[in-house]
N, C-alpha and C. Protein backbone atom coordinates (compact mmCIF):
# COMPACT_ATOMS: atom_id res chain seq x y z
N UNK A 1 10.67 19.44 8.66
CA UNK A 1 10.17 18.64 7.55
C UNK A 1 8.66 18.86 7.41
N UNK A 2 8.22 18.94 6.19
CA UNK A 2 6.79 19.07 5.89
C UNK A 2 6.29 17.67 5.53
N UNK A 3 5.24 17.20 6.21
CA UNK A 3 4.71 15.87 5.93
C UNK A 3 3.33 16.01 5.31
N UNK A 4 3.14 15.39 4.16
CA UNK A 4 1.87 15.45 3.46
C UNK A 4 1.63 14.12 2.75
N UNK A 5 0.44 13.93 2.24
CA UNK A 5 0.13 12.69 1.52
C UNK A 5 0.02 12.98 0.03
N UNK A 6 0.18 11.92 -0.74
CA UNK A 6 0.12 12.06 -2.19
C UNK A 6 -0.08 10.72 -2.85
N UNK A 7 -0.09 10.75 -4.17
CA UNK A 7 -0.30 9.55 -4.98
C UNK A 7 0.87 9.41 -5.95
N UNK A 8 1.41 8.21 -6.05
CA UNK A 8 2.52 7.97 -6.98
C UNK A 8 1.97 7.99 -8.40
N UNK A 9 2.53 8.85 -9.23
CA UNK A 9 2.11 8.94 -10.63
C UNK A 9 2.85 7.92 -11.49
N UNK A 10 4.18 7.91 -11.38
CA UNK A 10 4.96 6.94 -12.15
C UNK A 10 6.33 6.76 -11.53
N UNK A 11 6.96 5.66 -11.89
CA UNK A 11 8.31 5.38 -11.42
C UNK A 11 9.29 5.97 -12.42
N UNK A 12 10.21 6.76 -11.91
CA UNK A 12 11.16 7.44 -12.78
C UNK A 12 12.40 6.61 -13.07
N UNK A 13 12.63 5.57 -12.29
CA UNK A 13 13.84 4.79 -12.45
C UNK A 13 14.87 5.17 -11.41
N UNK A 14 15.79 4.27 -11.12
CA UNK A 14 16.85 4.49 -10.16
C UNK A 14 16.32 4.78 -8.75
N UNK A 15 15.14 4.23 -8.43
CA UNK A 15 14.57 4.38 -7.10
C UNK A 15 13.78 5.65 -6.86
N UNK A 16 13.54 6.43 -7.89
CA UNK A 16 12.79 7.68 -7.74
C UNK A 16 11.37 7.51 -8.25
N UNK A 17 10.44 8.24 -7.63
CA UNK A 17 9.03 8.20 -8.00
C UNK A 17 8.51 9.62 -8.15
N UNK A 18 7.66 9.84 -9.14
CA UNK A 18 7.00 11.13 -9.32
C UNK A 18 5.69 11.08 -8.53
N UNK A 19 5.55 11.93 -7.52
CA UNK A 19 4.40 11.91 -6.62
C UNK A 19 3.63 13.21 -6.76
N UNK A 20 2.31 13.10 -6.92
CA UNK A 20 1.44 14.27 -6.92
C UNK A 20 0.88 14.44 -5.52
N UNK A 21 1.13 15.58 -4.91
CA UNK A 21 0.75 15.82 -3.52
C UNK A 21 -0.68 16.34 -3.42
N UNK A 22 -1.30 16.09 -2.26
CA UNK A 22 -2.68 16.54 -2.03
C UNK A 22 -2.74 17.93 -1.42
N UNK A 23 -1.81 18.24 -0.48
CA UNK A 23 -1.93 19.49 0.27
C UNK A 23 -1.60 20.71 -0.57
N UNK A 24 -0.43 20.90 -1.12
CA UNK A 24 -0.39 21.94 -2.16
C UNK A 24 -0.99 21.31 -3.40
N UNK A 25 -2.25 21.53 -3.62
CA UNK A 25 -3.05 20.79 -4.62
C UNK A 25 -2.35 20.73 -5.98
N UNK A 26 -2.08 19.51 -6.41
CA UNK A 26 -1.50 19.28 -7.72
C UNK A 26 0.01 19.43 -7.81
N UNK A 27 0.65 19.79 -6.70
CA UNK A 27 2.11 19.96 -6.70
C UNK A 27 2.78 18.59 -6.90
N UNK A 28 3.76 18.54 -7.78
CA UNK A 28 4.48 17.29 -8.02
C UNK A 28 5.90 17.40 -7.50
N UNK A 29 6.38 16.30 -6.91
CA UNK A 29 7.76 16.30 -6.45
C UNK A 29 8.38 14.93 -6.74
N UNK A 30 9.68 14.94 -6.85
CA UNK A 30 10.44 13.73 -7.12
C UNK A 30 10.84 13.14 -5.77
N UNK A 31 10.41 11.91 -5.51
CA UNK A 31 10.61 11.32 -4.19
C UNK A 31 11.37 10.00 -4.29
N UNK A 32 12.05 9.71 -3.20
CA UNK A 32 12.77 8.45 -3.07
C UNK A 32 12.21 7.71 -1.86
N UNK A 33 12.22 6.38 -1.88
CA UNK A 33 11.71 5.60 -0.77
C UNK A 33 12.66 5.71 0.42
N UNK A 34 12.09 5.79 1.63
CA UNK A 34 12.89 5.87 2.84
C UNK A 34 13.60 4.54 3.09
N UNK A 35 14.59 4.57 3.97
CA UNK A 35 15.40 3.39 4.24
C UNK A 35 14.61 2.21 4.77
N UNK A 36 13.61 2.45 5.64
CA UNK A 36 12.81 1.35 6.19
C UNK A 36 11.98 0.67 5.10
N UNK A 37 11.52 1.45 4.12
CA UNK A 37 10.73 0.85 3.03
C UNK A 37 11.60 -0.06 2.18
N UNK A 38 12.82 0.36 1.92
CA UNK A 38 13.70 -0.48 1.11
C UNK A 38 14.23 -1.65 1.93
N UNK A 39 14.44 -1.45 3.23
CA UNK A 39 14.94 -2.52 4.09
C UNK A 39 13.95 -3.68 4.16
N UNK A 40 12.68 -3.36 4.31
CA UNK A 40 11.65 -4.40 4.42
C UNK A 40 11.01 -4.72 3.08
N UNK A 41 11.60 -4.23 1.99
CA UNK A 41 11.20 -4.53 0.61
C UNK A 41 9.72 -4.28 0.36
N UNK A 42 9.27 -3.10 0.76
CA UNK A 42 7.88 -2.71 0.51
C UNK A 42 7.81 -2.16 -0.91
N UNK A 43 6.96 -2.79 -1.72
CA UNK A 43 6.86 -2.43 -3.13
C UNK A 43 5.99 -1.19 -3.29
N UNK A 44 6.41 -0.31 -4.16
CA UNK A 44 5.67 0.90 -4.48
C UNK A 44 5.31 0.86 -5.96
N UNK A 45 4.02 1.06 -6.25
CA UNK A 45 3.53 1.05 -7.62
C UNK A 45 2.80 2.34 -7.92
N UNK A 46 2.63 2.63 -9.19
CA UNK A 46 1.86 3.81 -9.60
C UNK A 46 0.43 3.64 -9.11
N UNK A 47 -0.11 4.70 -8.52
CA UNK A 47 -1.46 4.66 -7.98
C UNK A 47 -1.52 4.46 -6.49
N UNK A 48 -0.41 4.10 -5.86
CA UNK A 48 -0.38 3.91 -4.41
C UNK A 48 -0.44 5.26 -3.70
N UNK A 49 -1.20 5.29 -2.60
CA UNK A 49 -1.27 6.49 -1.78
C UNK A 49 -0.17 6.41 -0.73
N UNK A 50 0.65 7.46 -0.63
CA UNK A 50 1.84 7.44 0.23
C UNK A 50 1.91 8.70 1.08
N UNK A 51 2.69 8.62 2.17
CA UNK A 51 3.03 9.77 2.98
C UNK A 51 4.42 10.23 2.56
N UNK A 52 4.59 11.53 2.41
CA UNK A 52 5.83 12.09 1.89
C UNK A 52 6.34 13.16 2.85
N UNK A 53 7.64 13.13 3.11
CA UNK A 53 8.31 14.20 3.85
C UNK A 53 9.04 15.08 2.84
N UNK A 54 8.83 16.39 2.96
CA UNK A 54 9.46 17.34 2.04
C UNK A 54 10.26 18.33 2.85
N UNK A 55 11.45 18.63 2.39
CA UNK A 55 12.27 19.64 3.05
C UNK A 55 11.74 21.03 2.71
N UNK A 56 11.68 21.93 3.67
CA UNK A 56 11.21 23.29 3.35
C UNK A 56 12.19 24.06 2.47
N UNK A 57 13.40 23.56 2.33
CA UNK A 57 14.40 24.24 1.51
C UNK A 57 14.29 23.89 0.04
N UNK A 58 13.82 22.66 -0.27
CA UNK A 58 13.66 22.25 -1.66
C UNK A 58 12.33 21.51 -1.78
N UNK A 59 11.33 22.19 -2.29
CA UNK A 59 9.98 21.63 -2.37
C UNK A 59 9.78 20.71 -3.57
N UNK A 60 10.82 20.49 -4.36
CA UNK A 60 10.69 19.61 -5.53
C UNK A 60 11.19 18.20 -5.24
N UNK A 61 11.80 17.98 -4.05
CA UNK A 61 12.33 16.67 -3.68
C UNK A 61 11.70 16.23 -2.38
N UNK A 62 11.55 14.90 -2.21
CA UNK A 62 10.96 14.39 -0.98
C UNK A 62 11.37 12.96 -0.70
N UNK A 63 10.85 12.45 0.42
CA UNK A 63 11.13 11.09 0.85
C UNK A 63 9.81 10.42 1.18
N UNK A 64 9.55 9.25 0.58
CA UNK A 64 8.34 8.48 0.86
C UNK A 64 8.58 7.71 2.16
N UNK A 65 7.75 7.96 3.17
CA UNK A 65 7.96 7.33 4.47
C UNK A 65 6.95 6.23 4.77
N UNK A 66 5.81 6.19 4.07
CA UNK A 66 4.77 5.21 4.39
C UNK A 66 3.89 4.99 3.17
N UNK A 67 3.55 3.73 2.90
CA UNK A 67 2.56 3.41 1.86
C UNK A 67 1.30 2.97 2.55
N UNK A 68 0.19 3.65 2.28
CA UNK A 68 -1.07 3.32 2.93
C UNK A 68 -1.63 2.03 2.37
N UNK A 69 -2.24 1.26 3.25
CA UNK A 69 -2.85 0.00 2.84
C UNK A 69 -4.18 0.29 2.17
N UNK A 70 -4.48 -0.49 1.15
CA UNK A 70 -5.74 -0.30 0.43
C UNK A 70 -6.46 -1.63 0.30
N UNK A 71 -6.70 -2.29 1.43
CA UNK A 71 -7.36 -3.60 1.41
C UNK A 71 -8.79 -3.44 0.91
N UNK A 72 -9.15 -4.26 -0.05
CA UNK A 72 -10.51 -4.25 -0.58
C UNK A 72 -10.74 -3.19 -1.64
N UNK A 73 -9.76 -2.38 -1.95
CA UNK A 73 -9.93 -1.33 -2.95
C UNK A 73 -9.81 -1.93 -4.35
N UNK A 74 -10.49 -1.30 -5.30
CA UNK A 74 -10.38 -1.75 -6.68
C UNK A 74 -9.41 -0.82 -7.39
N UNK A 75 -8.14 -1.07 -7.23
CA UNK A 75 -7.11 -0.25 -7.83
C UNK A 75 -6.02 -1.14 -8.37
N UNK A 76 -4.79 -0.65 -8.33
CA UNK A 76 -3.71 -1.46 -8.85
C UNK A 76 -3.44 -2.71 -8.02
N UNK A 77 -3.92 -2.73 -6.75
CA UNK A 77 -3.71 -3.89 -5.90
C UNK A 77 -5.03 -4.33 -5.29
N UNK A 78 -5.84 -5.08 -6.04
CA UNK A 78 -7.15 -5.45 -5.52
C UNK A 78 -7.09 -6.42 -4.37
N UNK A 79 -5.98 -7.11 -4.16
CA UNK A 79 -5.90 -8.10 -3.10
C UNK A 79 -5.42 -7.55 -1.79
N UNK A 80 -5.37 -6.26 -1.62
CA UNK A 80 -4.89 -5.69 -0.38
C UNK A 80 -3.45 -5.26 -0.52
N UNK A 81 -2.61 -5.70 0.40
CA UNK A 81 -1.22 -5.24 0.41
C UNK A 81 -0.37 -5.88 -0.66
N UNK A 82 -0.71 -7.08 -1.06
CA UNK A 82 0.13 -7.77 -2.04
C UNK A 82 -0.76 -8.33 -3.14
N UNK A 83 -0.24 -8.46 -4.35
CA UNK A 83 -1.02 -9.04 -5.44
C UNK A 83 -1.40 -10.47 -5.10
N UNK A 84 -2.66 -10.83 -5.35
CA UNK A 84 -3.13 -12.16 -5.05
C UNK A 84 -3.39 -12.36 -3.57
N UNK A 85 -3.68 -11.28 -2.86
CA UNK A 85 -3.84 -11.32 -1.41
C UNK A 85 -5.20 -11.78 -0.96
N UNK A 86 -5.63 -11.36 0.24
CA UNK A 86 -6.82 -11.92 0.87
C UNK A 86 -8.11 -11.68 0.12
N UNK A 87 -8.30 -10.53 -0.49
CA UNK A 87 -9.56 -10.26 -1.19
C UNK A 87 -9.70 -11.16 -2.41
N UNK A 88 -8.61 -11.36 -3.15
CA UNK A 88 -8.68 -12.26 -4.31
C UNK A 88 -8.98 -13.68 -3.90
N UNK A 89 -8.42 -14.13 -2.78
CA UNK A 89 -8.67 -15.48 -2.30
C UNK A 89 -10.12 -15.65 -1.91
N UNK A 90 -10.73 -14.63 -1.31
CA UNK A 90 -12.13 -14.71 -0.91
C UNK A 90 -13.05 -14.72 -2.12
N UNK A 91 -12.70 -13.98 -3.16
CA UNK A 91 -13.51 -13.99 -4.37
C UNK A 91 -13.42 -15.36 -5.04
N UNK A 92 -12.23 -15.95 -5.06
CA UNK A 92 -12.05 -17.26 -5.67
C UNK A 92 -12.87 -18.32 -4.94
N UNK A 93 -13.01 -18.21 -3.62
CA UNK A 93 -13.80 -19.17 -2.84
C UNK A 93 -15.28 -18.86 -2.90
N UNK A 94 -15.65 -17.70 -3.41
CA UNK A 94 -17.05 -17.33 -3.47
C UNK A 94 -17.57 -16.76 -2.15
N UNK A 95 -16.69 -16.34 -1.26
CA UNK A 95 -17.12 -15.85 0.04
C UNK A 95 -17.31 -14.34 0.08
N UNK A 96 -16.79 -13.64 -0.88
CA UNK A 96 -16.85 -12.18 -0.86
C UNK A 96 -18.17 -11.64 -1.40
N UNK A 97 -18.95 -12.47 -2.07
CA UNK A 97 -20.17 -12.02 -2.70
C UNK A 97 -21.33 -11.88 -1.72
N UNK A 98 -21.12 -12.18 -0.44
CA UNK A 98 -22.17 -12.01 0.54
C UNK A 98 -22.73 -13.33 1.06
N UNK A 99 -22.16 -14.45 0.65
CA UNK A 99 -22.62 -15.73 1.17
C UNK A 99 -22.33 -15.81 2.66
N UNK A 100 -23.24 -16.43 3.39
CA UNK A 100 -23.05 -16.60 4.82
C UNK A 100 -22.08 -17.75 5.07
N UNK A 101 -21.15 -17.52 5.94
CA UNK A 101 -20.16 -18.53 6.27
C UNK A 101 -20.29 -18.85 7.75
N UNK A 102 -20.43 -20.13 8.07
CA UNK A 102 -20.53 -20.52 9.47
C UNK A 102 -19.12 -20.81 9.99
N UNK A 103 -18.83 -20.36 11.20
CA UNK A 103 -17.50 -20.64 11.74
C UNK A 103 -17.32 -22.12 12.01
N UNK A 104 -16.13 -22.57 11.76
CA UNK A 104 -15.80 -23.99 11.94
C UNK A 104 -14.86 -24.11 13.12
N UNK A 105 -15.21 -25.00 14.05
CA UNK A 105 -14.36 -25.21 15.23
C UNK A 105 -13.57 -26.48 15.03
N UNK A 106 -12.29 -26.43 15.34
CA UNK A 106 -11.42 -27.60 15.23
C UNK A 106 -11.09 -28.07 16.63
N UNK A 107 -11.22 -29.36 16.85
CA UNK A 107 -10.92 -29.94 18.16
C UNK A 107 -9.74 -30.90 18.03
N UNK A 108 -8.84 -30.86 18.98
CA UNK A 108 -7.74 -31.79 19.01
C UNK A 108 -8.12 -32.94 19.93
N UNK A 109 -8.12 -34.12 19.39
CA UNK A 109 -8.49 -35.30 20.19
C UNK A 109 -7.27 -35.89 20.82
N UNK A 110 -7.38 -36.21 22.06
CA UNK A 110 -6.29 -36.81 22.81
C UNK A 110 -6.42 -38.33 22.74
N UNK A 111 -5.29 -39.02 22.71
CA UNK A 111 -5.32 -40.49 22.64
C UNK A 111 -5.95 -41.10 23.89
N UNK A 112 -5.85 -40.42 25.01
CA UNK A 112 -6.35 -40.98 26.27
C UNK A 112 -7.86 -40.87 26.36
N UNK A 113 -8.45 -39.96 25.66
CA UNK A 113 -9.87 -39.80 25.94
C UNK A 113 -10.70 -39.60 24.78
């Protein structure tokens, strides 16, 4: 198997994705998500950077084995792994703009003391 990285261009329907590969520069192949991705319901969107396995016998078909995380990126998923994720929450609180945040310690008080 040939393993390379690429970017999802568009969803073709029926579980297939058109992926533009990086290693053979500009090569496009029709890929399907691997079983672990579908089992754990990992969503794939256009613009996601993925790892693809390609058979040396048919270079036009492949299998997506991993979706790279893009936490903090300004792309189709600005919140990290999921829409509305940690980066969006920090922006909403005003913490991402560079404000200093002091750590808060929580203490559990015992009834005896």
